[in-house]
Every structure is written in C-alpha cells, then in structure tokens.
Amino acid sequence: PKGMALPATDENRKVYEQRKAELIKKAQDSLNAAKERAARVTGLDLTVPMLASDEGKLYGSVGATEIVRAASMVEIDLKRHEIDLPEGSIRAIGSFPVVARLHSEVTAQFTVTVVAGKGA
C-alpha cells in the first residue's frame, strides 16, 4: 500500500537486476579510485612549516586543514574528513604518523613533518 515493494514479475526482476549491476559497478569504481589514491599517498612525507618557539612548541597546531593544504601543494587530493590524526592535533616540531581514510575499505598511512618556518 505504501509503494515500497513491487510485484515479482519478470519485468520488475529485470529492472532490479539492471539496477543492482549498476550499483555494484559504481561501488567497484569508487573502490578502485580509492586504491589508486592510496597508492599515491602511502609513504608520502608532507612538510608543514609552522611558527614555533625555540623549545619546539608550535604557536598554534597542525590539523587536518593544514595537512590538506600541504598535500595540495604537492598535487595530492585529500579532503579534511579523510584525515585521521591518531594522537590529535600536532602541537610540536617533528614527524608524526597520519592515516587517510579514503574509503570504508581503503586507508593509507603517511608522515607529516612539522618544521619551524613561516606559518600557514
């Protein structure tokens, strides 16, 4: 009565199978694109210059936005929501592991090196 189901006729089954094949192909294309992006990102070492004190503490922090900006400088396409900082925002000079969750099944690990310099 609410139009949520269709009778199991041959015509409706064909439409269902066709739609199912389209969705499977779209999901596979998305997964393949994520795997290609992961291959480019894995092992990458991004350098982010930030203003820092003599002790190595940053005036501010490095978060997903700064990492995305640094990645775009080397022509790597990342989005803020894909960046996972396991230890939270970076607040000191050094090298830190970062995980990019590019797809529900695909992750890529890379390194962000924060150096003292002109900040973002």
Protein backbone atom coordinates (compact mmCIF):
# COMPACT_ATOMS: atom_id res chain seq x y z
CA PRO A 1 0.00 0.00 0.00
CA LYS A 2 2.87 2.42 0.63
CA GLY A 3 4.58 1.70 -2.68
CA MET A 4 7.68 0.23 -1.05
CA ALA A 5 7.56 -3.09 -2.88
CA LEU A 6 6.88 -4.26 -6.39
CA PRO A 7 5.32 -7.50 -7.58
CA ALA A 8 7.91 -10.10 -8.56
CA THR A 9 7.16 -10.01 -12.29
CA ASP A 10 9.76 -10.79 -14.94
CA GLU A 11 9.90 -7.14 -15.98
CA ASN A 12 10.44 -5.91 -12.40
CA ARG A 13 13.14 -8.55 -11.86
CA LYS A 14 14.99 -7.33 -14.96
CA VAL A 15 14.84 -3.73 -13.71
CA TYR A 16 16.05 -4.87 -10.29
CA GLU A 17 18.96 -6.88 -11.73
CA GLN A 18 19.95 -3.99 -14.01
CA ARG A 19 19.91 -1.50 -11.11
CA LYS A 20 21.85 -3.94 -8.92
CA ALA A 21 24.55 -4.30 -11.61
CA GLU A 22 24.82 -0.51 -11.90
CA LEU A 23 25.24 -0.12 -8.14
CA ILE A 24 27.87 -2.87 -7.98
CA LYS A 25 29.82 -1.24 -10.82
CA LYS A 26 29.63 2.17 -9.15
CA ALA A 27 30.84 0.73 -5.84
CA GLN A 28 33.70 -1.08 -7.58
CA ASP A 29 34.73 2.09 -9.44
CA SER A 30 34.74 4.01 -6.16
CA LEU A 31 36.89 1.35 -4.50
CA ASN A 32 39.35 1.29 -7.42
CA ALA A 33 39.66 5.09 -7.36
CA ALA A 34 40.35 4.99 -3.62
CA LYS A 35 43.02 2.32 -4.11
CA GLU A 36 44.73 4.47 -6.77
CA ARG A 37 44.71 7.48 -4.44
CA ALA A 38 46.04 5.31 -1.59
CA ALA A 39 48.97 4.23 -3.76
CA ARG A 40 49.92 7.89 -4.25
CA VAL A 41 49.52 8.78 -0.57
CA THR A 42 51.09 5.76 1.15
CA GLY A 43 54.60 6.51 2.35
CA LEU A 44 54.31 10.20 1.49
CA ASP A 45 56.20 12.66 3.70
CA LEU A 46 54.48 16.05 3.80
CA THR A 47 56.34 19.02 5.24
CA VAL A 48 54.33 21.68 7.05
CA PRO A 49 56.15 24.88 8.10
CA MET A 50 54.77 26.49 11.26
CA LEU A 51 55.84 29.25 13.61
CA ALA A 52 57.47 27.65 16.65
CA SER A 53 59.26 28.61 19.82
CA ASP A 54 62.91 27.81 20.48
CA GLU A 55 61.79 24.78 22.52
CA GLY A 56 59.96 23.31 19.51
CA LYS A 57 56.41 24.08 20.59
CA LEU A 58 54.14 25.46 17.91
CA TYR A 59 52.28 28.74 18.08
CA GLY A 60 49.02 27.04 17.17
CA SER A 61 48.62 23.50 15.91
CA VAL A 62 48.65 21.43 12.76
CA GLY A 63 45.29 19.85 12.00
CA ALA A 64 43.54 18.34 9.02
CA THR A 65 43.18 21.70 7.24
CA GLU A 66 46.94 22.36 7.25
CA ILE A 67 47.66 18.79 6.12
CA VAL A 68 45.20 19.10 3.22
CA ARG A 69 46.81 22.42 2.25
CA ALA A 70 50.30 20.84 2.29
CA ALA A 71 49.06 17.89 0.23
CA SER A 72 47.56 20.20 -2.37
CA MET A 73 50.98 21.86 -2.76
CA VAL A 74 52.38 18.53 -3.99
CA GLU A 75 49.25 17.86 -6.08
CA ILE A 76 47.75 15.19 -3.82
CA ASP A 77 43.97 15.41 -3.48
CA LEU A 78 42.89 14.89 0.13
CA LYS A 79 39.85 16.14 1.98
CA ARG A 80 39.57 17.23 5.62
CA HIS A 81 37.16 14.47 6.58
CA GLU A 82 39.57 11.82 5.26
CA ILE A 83 42.41 12.80 7.62
CA ASP A 84 42.72 10.87 10.87
CA LEU A 85 45.19 12.16 13.44
CA PRO A 86 45.54 9.28 15.94
CA GLU A 87 47.07 11.49 18.64
CA GLY A 88 45.01 14.62 17.93
CA SER A 89 46.28 17.92 16.56
CA ILE A 90 50.03 18.24 16.21
CA ARG A 91 51.49 20.83 18.62
CA ALA A 92 55.26 20.33 18.30
CA ILE A 93 58.02 20.14 15.71
CA GLY A 94 58.80 16.63 14.45
CA SER A 95 57.47 13.77 12.34
CA PHE A 96 54.06 12.30 13.03
CA PRO A 97 52.11 9.39 11.52
CA VAL A 98 48.82 10.27 9.86
CA VAL A 99 46.14 8.00 8.42
CA ALA A 100 43.97 8.92 5.45
CA ARG A 101 40.68 7.01 5.32
CA LEU A 102 39.95 7.21 1.60
CA HIS A 103 37.17 4.61 1.52
CA SER A 104 35.49 2.32 4.02
CA GLU A 105 37.88 -0.43 2.90
CA VAL A 106 40.96 1.66 1.99
CA THR A 107 43.34 3.51 4.30
CA ALA A 108 46.75 4.99 3.62
CA GLN A 109 49.40 5.91 6.15
CA PHE A 110 51.84 8.73 5.59
CA THR A 111 54.06 11.07 7.60
CA VAL A 112 53.68 14.75 8.35
CA THR A 113 56.88 16.54 9.25
CA VAL A 114 56.38 19.83 11.04
CA VAL A 115 59.30 22.25 10.71
CA ALA A 116 59.93 25.70 12.12
CA GLY A 117 59.32 28.32 9.49
CA LYS A 118 56.81 30.77 8.19
CA GLY A 119 53.42 29.51 9.39
CA ALA A 120 50.37 28.75 7.34
